[in-house]
C-alpha cells in the first residue's frame, strides 16, 4: 500500500498539481502521457527505512 501512496504523491506533485486542465479528457491525457514517460525511464522504488524502523512508528 505504501508504494501506491508514494506513486500517487509523485504523479500529483510532478504532473497534476502544476497543471491547468480545460476538461477531464485533457487531465486524463496528461496522466497517460506522464505514465508513458515514467515507464520509458523505469526505476525501482528503494526503501530507505528498515522494517524495524517502520514498525516502531506504528
Protein backbone atom coordinates (compact mmCIF):
# COMPACT_ATOMS: atom_id res chain seq x y z
CA UNK A 1 0.00 0.00 0.00
CA UNK A 2 2.80 2.44 0.79
CA UNK A 3 4.22 2.21 -2.72
CA UNK A 4 0.83 3.09 -4.21
CA UNK A 5 0.63 6.13 -1.95
CA UNK A 6 4.15 7.14 -2.99
CA UNK A 7 3.27 6.74 -6.68
CA UNK A 8 0.16 8.92 -6.39
CA UNK A 9 2.16 11.51 -4.47
CA UNK A 10 4.79 11.61 -7.23
CA UNK A 11 2.31 11.93 -10.08
CA UNK A 12 0.36 14.57 -8.16
CA UNK A 13 3.44 16.70 -7.42
CA UNK A 14 5.14 16.33 -10.79
CA UNK A 15 2.21 16.39 -13.18
CA UNK A 16 -1.27 17.09 -11.90
CA UNK A 17 -0.88 19.83 -9.28
CA UNK A 18 1.06 22.12 -11.61
CA UNK A 19 -1.40 21.85 -14.48
CA UNK A 20 -4.46 23.69 -15.62
CA UNK A 21 -6.93 21.42 -17.36
CA UNK A 22 -9.77 22.64 -19.56
CA UNK A 23 -11.60 19.32 -19.34
CA UNK A 24 -11.47 15.85 -17.83
CA UNK A 25 -10.20 14.45 -21.13
CA UNK A 26 -7.23 16.86 -21.05
CA UNK A 27 -6.46 15.75 -17.48
CA UNK A 28 -6.68 12.08 -18.47
CA UNK A 29 -4.32 12.72 -21.41
CA UNK A 30 -1.84 14.44 -19.08
CA UNK A 31 -1.92 11.48 -16.69
CA UNK A 32 -1.46 8.98 -19.52
CA UNK A 33 1.41 10.98 -21.00
CA UNK A 34 3.11 11.13 -17.60
CA UNK A 35 2.70 7.38 -17.06
CA UNK A 36 4.12 6.65 -20.53
CA UNK A 37 7.10 8.90 -19.82
CA UNK A 38 7.59 7.28 -16.40
CA UNK A 39 7.52 3.80 -17.97
CA UNK A 40 10.15 4.75 -20.56
CA UNK A 41 12.56 5.58 -17.72
CA UNK A 42 11.63 2.99 -15.13
CA UNK A 43 13.48 2.71 -11.86
CA UNK A 44 12.53 0.78 -8.76
CA UNK A 45 11.48 2.36 -5.51
CA UNK A 46 14.23 1.97 -2.94
CA UNK A 47 13.23 1.61 0.69
CA UNK A 48 15.48 3.61 2.97
CA UNK A 49 13.93 2.53 6.27
CA UNK A 50 14.32 -0.90 7.79
CA UNK A 51 11.29 -2.97 8.76
CA UNK A 52 12.09 -2.31 12.43
CA UNK A 53 12.07 1.45 11.89
CA UNK A 54 8.74 1.29 10.10
CA UNK A 55 7.18 -0.90 12.77
CA UNK A 56 8.49 1.37 15.52
CA UNK A 57 6.43 4.23 14.07
CA UNK A 58 3.26 2.15 14.22
